[in-house]
Amino acid sequence: MSDLPLPPQDPELLRRLLRAKDRMDAASHEAWPVQRLAAVSDVSEAHFARSFKQAFGTPPHRYLLTRRIERATALLRETELPITEIAFETGWESLGTFGRTFRDITGESPSTLRARARAAVQEPGRVPACVLSAAHRPDLTIAVSEKRRREADAINESHDKEIP
């Protein structure tokens, strides 16, 4: 990859990309394949995916996962809904996939997060809500599958070192 700065994007294209991003924000529980997002933006799939990442710093699928995890985290903290219901309400088709992805992104299971949130002091003091939201935003900088592969490689390396 080159270290050259990317050319600025066309304002009309940015408006189209924002339209797709807003749709994902409003209905993150729905399926948003690149084909559907590109149609909302009225551009080709490849152009959409490339332009979205350039404009927002993250691929569309990773952005959608982040939004779903943010919503699930809020529901875990603020409601008594069962975890299964939260998983399906936030757009996951499988409880197992939800739990595994949630743990990969946040570092803890949904039930652990819920228990920790209940045990924590509920009064955040004078910290603005926007700061709290940013602090609790998942840091999804690499694909979940890549993170799993790296962890597996690290485990395999440690096992290899133990064997004489």
Foldseek 3Di string as FASTA:
>chain_A
DDPDDDDDDDPLLVVLLVQLVVVCLVCLQDDDDLCNSCVSSVHDSVCSQVVNCSVPVDGPVLSSLLSLLLQLLCCLLPHPDDSVVSCNRSHHPDSVVVQLSNCLFQVDGSVVSSVVSVPDDPDPPPDDPVVVSVVRRTDCNDDSVVSVVVVVVVVVVVVVVPPD
